[in-house]
């Protein structure tokens, strides 16, 4: 089951997030292009992450920019209530306690932000 609450989905993102994903109070910007099922299968076989949000990922109070690749079991919750952080080399930054995953970012499976 997928859960989306108080969230704005830019474009058609129903296919971009996987089973068990929870997205709350967030803005998802979508993608500039579409990956076919074959593309996604090929990426998975090579250990890559397709565009979108992986299985059992929980996102709360975040902005996800275009073409982001967020792995499985990622937690983007800002549980420590960090107000400001510049982590662009890791694919995100925090401003006013809101996490923004930057365009074309790669967030590996199991990451906790």
C-alpha atoms as a PDB file:
ATOM      1  CA  UNK A   1       0.000   0.000   0.000  1.00  0.00           C
ATOM      2  CA  UNK A   2       1.128   3.562  -0.762  1.00  0.00           C
ATOM      3  CA  UNK A   3       0.172   6.463   1.511  1.00  0.00           C
ATOM      4  CA  UNK A   4       0.127  10.095   0.414  1.00  0.00           C
ATOM      5  CA  UNK A   5      -1.178  12.810   2.780  1.00  0.00           C
ATOM      6  CA  UNK A   6      -1.257  16.601   2.364  1.00  0.00           C
ATOM      7  CA  UNK A   7       1.141  16.347  -0.567  1.00  0.00           C
ATOM      8  CA  UNK A   8       1.325  17.994  -3.978  1.00  0.00           C
ATOM      9  CA  UNK A   9       2.296  15.597  -6.762  1.00  0.00           C
ATOM     10  CA  UNK A  10       3.587  17.467  -9.794  1.00  0.00           C
ATOM     11  CA  UNK A  11       2.680  15.601 -12.985  1.00  0.00           C
ATOM     12  CA  UNK A  12       1.595  11.948 -12.835  1.00  0.00           C
ATOM     13  CA  UNK A  13       3.735  10.416 -10.116  1.00  0.00           C
ATOM     14  CA  UNK A  14       1.554   7.430  -9.232  1.00  0.00           C
ATOM     15  CA  UNK A  15       4.100   5.155 -10.913  1.00  0.00           C
ATOM     16  CA  UNK A  16       7.098   6.973  -9.409  1.00  0.00           C
ATOM     17  CA  UNK A  17       6.738   5.744  -5.850  1.00  0.00           C
ATOM     18  CA  UNK A  18       6.705   2.131  -4.744  1.00  0.00           C
ATOM     19  CA  UNK A  19       4.828  -0.170  -2.389  1.00  0.00           C
ATOM     20  CA  UNK A  20       5.058   0.808   1.263  1.00  0.00           C
ATOM     21  CA  UNK A  21       6.079   4.420   0.559  1.00  0.00           C
ATOM     22  CA  UNK A  22       4.670   7.055   2.889  1.00  0.00           C
ATOM     23  CA  UNK A  23       4.716  10.671   1.732  1.00  0.00           C
ATOM     24  CA  UNK A  24       3.355  13.410   3.995  1.00  0.00           C
ATOM     25  CA  UNK A  25       3.193  17.215   3.790  1.00  0.00           C
ATOM     26  CA  UNK A  26       5.567  17.280   0.809  1.00  0.00           C
ATOM     27  CA  UNK A  27       5.995  18.548  -2.742  1.00  0.00           C
ATOM     28  CA  UNK A  28       7.146  16.114  -5.449  1.00  0.00           C
ATOM     29  CA  UNK A  29       8.237  17.751  -8.707  1.00  0.00           C
ATOM     30  CA  UNK A  30       8.186  14.738 -11.015  1.00  0.00           C
ATOM     31  CA  UNK A  31      10.597  13.973 -13.834  1.00  0.00           C
ATOM     32  CA  UNK A  32      11.711  15.419 -17.140  1.00  0.00           C
ATOM     33  CA  UNK A  33      11.486  12.015 -18.806  1.00  0.00           C
ATOM     34  CA  UNK A  34       9.911   8.601 -18.360  1.00  0.00           C
ATOM     35  CA  UNK A  35      11.759   5.367 -17.601  1.00  0.00           C
ATOM     36  CA  UNK A  36      10.153   2.273 -19.079  1.00  0.00           C
ATOM     37  CA  UNK A  37       9.692  -0.938 -17.090  1.00  0.00           C
ATOM     38  CA  UNK A  38      12.643  -2.341 -19.035  1.00  0.00           C
ATOM     39  CA  UNK A  39      14.793   0.657 -18.006  1.00  0.00           C
ATOM     40  CA  UNK A  40      13.805   0.204 -14.362  1.00  0.00           C
ATOM     41  CA  UNK A  41      14.507  -3.548 -14.457  1.00  0.00           C
ATOM     42  CA  UNK A  42      17.903  -2.960 -16.066  1.00  0.00           C
ATOM     43  CA  UNK A  43      18.832  -0.370 -13.426  1.00  0.00           C
ATOM     44  CA  UNK A  44      17.743  -2.671 -10.595  1.00  0.00           C
ATOM     45  CA  UNK A  45      19.817  -5.545 -12.007  1.00  0.00           C
ATOM     46  CA  UNK A  46      22.906  -3.301 -11.977  1.00  0.00           C
ATOM     47  CA  UNK A  47      22.201  -2.050  -8.448  1.00  0.00           C
ATOM     48  CA  UNK A  48      20.970   1.324  -9.696  1.00  0.00           C
ATOM     49  CA  UNK A  49      17.960   3.257  -8.518  1.00  0.00           C
ATOM     50  CA  UNK A  50      15.227   4.301 -10.944  1.00  0.00           C
ATOM     51  CA  UNK A  51      13.701   7.767 -10.911  1.00  0.00           C
ATOM     52  CA  UNK A  52      11.182   8.025  -8.116  1.00  0.00           C
ATOM     53  CA  UNK A  53      10.787   6.875  -4.546  1.00  0.00           C
ATOM     54  CA  UNK A  54      11.723   3.368  -3.429  1.00  0.00           C
ATOM     55  CA  UNK A  55       9.859   0.773  -1.400  1.00  0.00           C
ATOM     56  CA  UNK A  56       9.133   1.455   2.267  1.00  0.00           C
ATOM     57  CA  UNK A  57      10.515   4.981   2.054  1.00  0.00           C
ATOM     58  CA  UNK A  58       9.067   7.603   4.392  1.00  0.00           C
ATOM     59  CA  UNK A  59       9.161  11.278   3.414  1.00  0.00           C
ATOM     60  CA  UNK A  60       7.740  14.074   5.567  1.00  0.00           C
ATOM     61  CA  UNK A  61       7.880  17.884   5.124  1.00  0.00           C
ATOM     62  CA  UNK A  62      10.182  17.742   2.125  1.00  0.00           C
ATOM     63  CA  UNK A  63      10.547  19.025  -1.407  1.00  0.00           C
ATOM     64  CA  UNK A  64      11.691  16.450  -3.962  1.00  0.00           C
ATOM     65  CA  UNK A  65      12.967  18.108  -7.136  1.00  0.00           C
ATOM     66  CA  UNK A  66      12.845  16.623 -10.642  1.00  0.00           C
ATOM     67  CA  UNK A  67      14.535  13.354 -11.607  1.00  0.00           C
ATOM     68  CA  UNK A  68      15.419  12.411  -8.007  1.00  0.00           C
ATOM     69  CA  UNK A  69      16.360   8.778  -7.420  1.00  0.00           C
ATOM     70  CA  UNK A  70      15.491   7.806  -3.858  1.00  0.00           C
ATOM     71  CA  UNK A  71      16.269   4.231  -2.827  1.00  0.00           C
ATOM     72  CA  UNK A  72      14.388   1.727  -0.688  1.00  0.00           C
ATOM     73  CA  UNK A  73      13.927   2.168   3.061  1.00  0.00           C
ATOM     74  CA  UNK A  74      15.011   5.832   3.004  1.00  0.00           C
ATOM     75  CA  UNK A  75      13.800   8.131   5.791  1.00  0.00           C
ATOM     76  CA  UNK A  76      13.573  11.825   4.930  1.00  0.00           C
ATOM     77  CA  UNK A  77      12.022  13.067   8.163  1.00  0.00           C
ATOM     78  CA  UNK A  78      14.511  15.567   9.659  1.00  0.00           C
ATOM     79  CA  UNK A  79      13.992  13.835  12.989  1.00  0.00           C
ATOM     80  CA  UNK A  80      16.698  15.986  14.625  1.00  0.00           C
ATOM     81  CA  UNK A  81      14.864  19.147  13.515  1.00  0.00           C
ATOM     82  CA  UNK A  82      17.946  20.583  11.789  1.00  0.00           C
ATOM     83  CA  UNK A  83      17.197  24.161  10.728  1.00  0.00           C
ATOM     84  CA  UNK A  84      19.936  24.711   8.124  1.00  0.00           C
ATOM     85  CA  UNK A  85      22.345  22.320   6.393  1.00  0.00           C
ATOM     86  CA  UNK A  86      24.235  22.484   3.100  1.00  0.00           C
ATOM     87  CA  UNK A  87      24.597  18.889   1.904  1.00  0.00           C
ATOM     88  CA  UNK A  88      24.368  19.403  -1.856  1.00  0.00           C
ATOM     89  CA  UNK A  89      27.188  16.895  -2.451  1.00  0.00           C
ATOM     90  CA  UNK A  90      24.947  14.319  -0.753  1.00  0.00           C
ATOM     91  CA  UNK A  91      21.946  15.353  -2.865  1.00  0.00           C
ATOM     92  CA  UNK A  92      20.021  17.579  -0.479  1.00  0.00           C
ATOM     93  CA  UNK A  93      19.964  20.678   1.704  1.00  0.00           C
ATOM     94  CA  UNK A  94      17.837  21.832   4.639  1.00  0.00           C
ATOM     95  CA  UNK A  95      16.421  25.339   4.942  1.00  0.00           C
ATOM     96  CA  UNK A  96      13.975  26.383   7.690  1.00  0.00           C
ATOM     97  CA  UNK A  97      13.870  22.693   8.731  1.00  0.00           C
ATOM     98  CA  UNK A  98      12.494  21.607   5.318  1.00  0.00           C
ATOM     99  CA  UNK A  99      14.576  19.037   3.454  1.00  0.00           C
ATOM    100  CA  UNK A 100      14.978  19.667  -0.273  1.00  0.00           C
ATOM    101  CA  UNK A 101      16.286  16.829  -2.441  1.00  0.00           C
ATOM    102  CA  UNK A 102      17.936  18.551  -5.392  1.00  0.00           C
ATOM    103  CA  UNK A 103      17.330  17.904  -9.087  1.00  0.00           C
ATOM    104  CA  UNK A 104      18.923  14.682 -10.397  1.00  0.00           C
ATOM    105  CA  UNK A 105      19.941  13.638  -6.856  1.00  0.00           C
ATOM    106  CA  UNK A 106      20.777  10.051  -5.953  1.00  0.00           C
ATOM    107  CA  UNK A 107      19.802   9.095  -2.368  1.00  0.00           C
ATOM    108  CA  UNK A 108      21.019   5.530  -1.635  1.00  0.00           C
ATOM    109  CA  UNK A 109      18.811   2.889  -0.032  1.00  0.00           C
ATOM    110  CA  UNK A 110      18.804   2.993   3.754  1.00  0.00           C
ATOM    111  CA  UNK A 111      19.734   6.688   4.000  1.00  0.00           C
ATOM    112  CA  UNK A 112      18.329   8.623   6.981  1.00  0.00           C
ATOM    113  CA  UNK A 113      18.021  12.396   6.710  1.00  0.00           C
END
